[in-house]
Amino acid sequence: MIWIILLLVVVAVVAYRYRVPLLAKILGQPQSRIERRLERRKD
């Protein structure tokens, strides 16, 4: 059970770290556009 939780945490950290390339690949949009969208949300 602890391994499942640990695996989920690791996957979540990796997905957050590489969110721009992952979103670009999933959405089929350029990475620069995704980066601009994410920066706009912080404000």
PDB file of N, CA and C in Angstrom:
ATOM      1  N   MET A   1       0.825  -1.208   0.000  1.00  0.00           N
ATOM      2  CA  MET A   1       0.000   0.000   0.000  1.00  0.00           C
ATOM      3  C   MET A   1       0.861   1.260   0.000  1.00  0.00           C
ATOM      4  N   ILE A   2       1.909   1.242   0.809  1.00  0.00           N
ATOM      5  CA  ILE A   2       2.777   2.421   0.887  1.00  0.00           C
ATOM      6  C   ILE A   2       3.471   2.675  -0.447  1.00  0.00           C
ATOM      7  N   TRP A   3       3.728   1.582  -1.202  1.00  0.00           N
ATOM      8  CA  TRP A   3       4.380   1.731  -2.498  1.00  0.00           C
ATOM      9  C   TRP A   3       3.479   2.453  -3.491  1.00  0.00           C
ATOM     10  N   ILE A   4       2.197   2.213  -3.414  1.00  0.00           N
ATOM     11  CA  ILE A   4       1.253   2.880  -4.321  1.00  0.00           C
ATOM     12  C   ILE A   4       1.229   4.378  -4.043  1.00  0.00           C
ATOM     13  N   ILE A   5       1.180   4.740  -2.788  1.00  0.00           N
ATOM     14  CA  ILE A   5       1.172   6.155  -2.409  1.00  0.00           C
ATOM     15  C   ILE A   5       2.474   6.823  -2.825  1.00  0.00           C
ATOM     16  N   LEU A   6       3.600   6.150  -2.570  1.00  0.00           N
ATOM     17  CA  LEU A   6       4.905   6.680  -2.953  1.00  0.00           C
ATOM     18  C   LEU A   6       5.000   6.852  -4.464  1.00  0.00           C
ATOM     19  N   LEU A   7       4.504   5.896  -5.219  1.00  0.00           N
ATOM     20  CA  LEU A   7       4.514   5.975  -6.673  1.00  0.00           C
ATOM     21  C   LEU A   7       3.670   7.148  -7.170  1.00  0.00           C
ATOM     22  N   LEU A   8       2.496   7.347  -6.566  1.00  0.00           N
ATOM     23  CA  LEU A   8       1.644   8.473  -6.947  1.00  0.00           C
ATOM     24  C   LEU A   8       2.317   9.816  -6.684  1.00  0.00           C
ATOM     25  N   VAL A   9       3.019   9.923  -5.566  1.00  0.00           N
ATOM     26  CA  VAL A   9       3.725  11.167  -5.239  1.00  0.00           C
ATOM     27  C   VAL A   9       4.828  11.431  -6.252  1.00  0.00           C
ATOM     28  N   VAL A  10       5.589  10.396  -6.595  1.00  0.00           N
ATOM     29  CA  VAL A  10       6.676  10.553  -7.561  1.00  0.00           C
ATOM     30  C   VAL A  10       6.119  10.947  -8.923  1.00  0.00           C
ATOM     31  N   VAL A  11       5.058  10.303  -9.355  1.00  0.00           N
ATOM     32  CA  VAL A  11       4.443  10.624 -10.644  1.00  0.00           C
ATOM     33  C   VAL A  11       3.923  12.063 -10.644  1.00  0.00           C
ATOM     34  N   ALA A  12       3.319  12.485  -9.555  1.00  0.00           N
ATOM     35  CA  ALA A  12       2.800  13.853  -9.468  1.00  0.00           C
ATOM     36  C   ALA A  12       3.930  14.881  -9.543  1.00  0.00           C
ATOM     37  N   VAL A  13       5.037  14.623  -8.871  1.00  0.00           N
ATOM     38  CA  VAL A  13       6.173  15.543  -8.890  1.00  0.00           C
ATOM     39  C   VAL A  13       6.763  15.631 -10.294  1.00  0.00           C
ATOM     40  N   VAL A  14       6.928  14.494 -10.950  1.00  0.00           N
ATOM     41  CA  VAL A  14       7.483  14.484 -12.310  1.00  0.00           C
ATOM     42  C   VAL A  14       6.536  15.197 -13.272  1.00  0.00           C
ATOM     43  N   ALA A  15       5.247  14.957 -13.146  1.00  0.00           N
ATOM     44  CA  ALA A  15       4.272  15.607 -14.027  1.00  0.00           C
ATOM     45  C   ALA A  15       4.281  17.120 -13.812  1.00  0.00           C
ATOM     46  N   TYR A  16       4.405  17.563 -12.569  1.00  0.00           N
ATOM     47  CA  TYR A  16       4.451  19.002 -12.298  1.00  0.00           C
ATOM     48  C   TYR A  16       5.726  19.615 -12.860  1.00  0.00           C
ATOM     49  N   ARG A  17       6.817  18.909 -12.701  1.00  0.00           N
ATOM     50  CA  ARG A  17       8.105  19.412 -13.161  1.00  0.00           C
ATOM     51  C   ARG A  17       8.149  19.580 -14.678  1.00  0.00           C
ATOM     52  N   TYR A  18       7.532  18.634 -15.386  1.00  0.00           N
ATOM     53  CA  TYR A  18       7.541  18.651 -16.854  1.00  0.00           C
ATOM     54  C   TYR A  18       6.173  18.992 -17.416  1.00  0.00           C
ATOM     55  N   ARG A  19       5.441  19.869 -16.712  1.00  0.00           N
ATOM     56  CA  ARG A  19       4.065  20.159 -17.127  1.00  0.00           C
ATOM     57  C   ARG A  19       3.987  20.847 -18.481  1.00  0.00           C
ATOM     58  N   VAL A  20       4.927  21.734 -18.791  1.00  0.00           N
ATOM     59  CA  VAL A  20       4.856  22.459 -20.064  1.00  0.00           C
ATOM     60  C   VAL A  20       5.034  21.519 -21.253  1.00  0.00           C
ATOM     61  N   PRO A  21       6.096  20.701 -21.306  1.00  0.00           N
ATOM     62  CA  PRO A  21       6.217  19.779 -22.444  1.00  0.00           C
ATOM     63  C   PRO A  21       5.076  18.764 -22.506  1.00  0.00           C
ATOM     64  N   LEU A  22       4.617  18.302 -21.345  1.00  0.00           N
ATOM     65  CA  LEU A  22       3.512  17.332 -21.332  1.00  0.00           C
ATOM     66  C   LEU A  22       2.232  17.957 -21.867  1.00  0.00           C
ATOM     67  N   LEU A  23       1.908  19.160 -21.398  1.00  0.00           N
ATOM     68  CA  LEU A  23       0.702  19.832 -21.885  1.00  0.00           C
ATOM     69  C   LEU A  23       0.804  20.150 -23.369  1.00  0.00           C
ATOM     70  N   ALA A  24       1.993  20.545 -23.811  1.00  0.00           N
ATOM     71  CA  ALA A  24       2.181  20.850 -25.230  1.00  0.00           C
ATOM     72  C   ALA A  24       1.938  19.610 -26.079  1.00  0.00           C
ATOM     73  N   LYS A  25       2.427  18.480 -25.613  1.00  0.00           N
ATOM     74  CA  LYS A  25       2.244  17.243 -26.370  1.00  0.00           C
ATOM     75  C   LYS A  25       0.783  16.797 -26.354  1.00  0.00           C
ATOM     76  N   ILE A  26       0.142  16.886 -25.199  1.00  0.00           N
ATOM     77  CA  ILE A  26      -1.257  16.455 -25.083  1.00  0.00           C
ATOM     78  C   ILE A  26      -2.176  17.357 -25.888  1.00  0.00           C
ATOM     79  N   LEU A  27      -1.970  18.676 -25.784  1.00  0.00           N
ATOM     80  CA  LEU A  27      -2.858  19.634 -26.444  1.00  0.00           C
ATOM     81  C   LEU A  27      -2.471  19.918 -27.895  1.00  0.00           C
ATOM     82  N   GLY A  28      -1.263  19.534 -28.274  1.00  0.00           N
ATOM     83  CA  GLY A  28      -0.814  19.771 -29.638  1.00  0.00           C
ATOM     84  C   GLY A  28      -0.530  21.235 -29.925  1.00  0.00           C
ATOM     85  N   GLN A  29      -0.129  21.972 -28.900  1.00  0.00           N
ATOM     86  CA  GLN A  29       0.171  23.394 -29.060  1.00  0.00           C
ATOM     87  C   GLN A  29       1.651  23.631 -28.760  1.00  0.00           C
ATOM     88  N   PRO A  30       2.204  24.744 -29.252  1.00  0.00           N
ATOM     89  CA  PRO A  30       3.613  25.045 -28.983  1.00  0.00           C
ATOM     90  C   PRO A  30       3.860  25.281 -27.487  1.00  0.00           C
ATOM     91  N   GLN A  31       5.066  24.920 -27.043  1.00  0.00           N
ATOM     92  CA  GLN A  31       5.406  25.100 -25.632  1.00  0.00           C
ATOM     93  C   GLN A  31       5.381  26.561 -25.222  1.00  0.00           C
ATOM     94  N   SER A  32       5.759  27.454 -26.115  1.00  0.00           N
ATOM     95  CA  SER A  32       5.783  28.876 -25.761  1.00  0.00           C
ATOM     96  C   SER A  32       4.384  29.377 -25.421  1.00  0.00           C
ATOM     97  N   ARG A  33       3.381  28.872 -26.135  1.00  0.00           N
ATOM     98  CA  ARG A  33       2.004  29.289 -25.854  1.00  0.00           C
ATOM     99  C   ARG A  33       1.550  28.784 -24.483  1.00  0.00           C
ATOM    100  N   ILE A  34       1.916  27.553 -24.163  1.00  0.00           N
ATOM    101  CA  ILE A  34       1.565  26.984 -22.847  1.00  0.00           C
ATOM    102  C   ILE A  34       2.254  27.789 -21.740  1.00  0.00           C
ATOM    103  N   GLU A  35       3.533  28.115 -21.944  1.00  0.00           N
ATOM    104  CA  GLU A  35       4.266  28.879 -20.933  1.00  0.00           C
ATOM    105  C   GLU A  35       3.611  30.230 -20.685  1.00  0.00           C
ATOM    106  N   ARG A  36       3.182  30.900 -21.761  1.00  0.00           N
ATOM    107  CA  ARG A  36       2.515  32.205 -21.602  1.00  0.00           C
ATOM    108  C   ARG A  36       1.220  32.050 -20.819  1.00  0.00           C
ATOM    109  N   ARG A  37       0.465  30.991 -21.108  1.00  0.00           N
ATOM    110  CA  ARG A  37      -0.805  30.763 -20.387  1.00  0.00           C
ATOM    111  C   ARG A  37      -0.550  30.538 -18.902  1.00  0.00           C
ATOM    112  N   LEU A  38       0.461  29.742 -18.586  1.00  0.00           N
ATOM    113  CA  LEU A  38       0.755  29.455 -17.177  1.00  0.00           C
ATOM    114  C   LEU A  38       1.254  30.704 -16.446  1.00  0.00           C
ATOM    115  N   GLU A  39       2.038  31.508 -17.123  1.00  0.00           N
ATOM    116  CA  GLU A  39       2.526  32.763 -16.506  1.00  0.00           C
ATOM    117  C   GLU A  39       1.369  33.714 -16.248  1.00  0.00           C
ATOM    118  N   ARG A  40       0.413  33.769 -17.141  1.00  0.00           N
ATOM    119  CA  ARG A  40      -0.725  34.660 -16.995  1.00  0.00           C
ATOM    120  C   ARG A  40      -1.569  34.279 -15.769  1.00  0.00           C
ATOM    121  N   ARG A  41      -1.639  32.986 -15.467  1.00  0.00           N
ATOM    122  CA  ARG A  41      -2.459  32.539 -14.324  1.00  0.00           C
ATOM    123  C   ARG A  41      -1.862  32.942 -12.997  1.00  0.00           C
ATOM    124  N   LYS A  42      -0.542  33.090 -12.933  1.00  0.00           N
ATOM    125  CA  LYS A  42       0.109  33.450 -11.679  1.00  0.00           C
ATOM    126  C   LYS A  42      -0.248  34.852 -11.237  1.00  0.00           C
ATOM    127  N   ASP A  43      -0.537  35.744 -12.176  1.00  0.00           N
ATOM    128  CA  ASP A  43      -0.811  37.148 -11.845  1.00  0.00           C
ATOM    129  C   ASP A  43      -2.163  37.364 -11.206  1.00  0.00           C
TER     130      ASP A  43
END
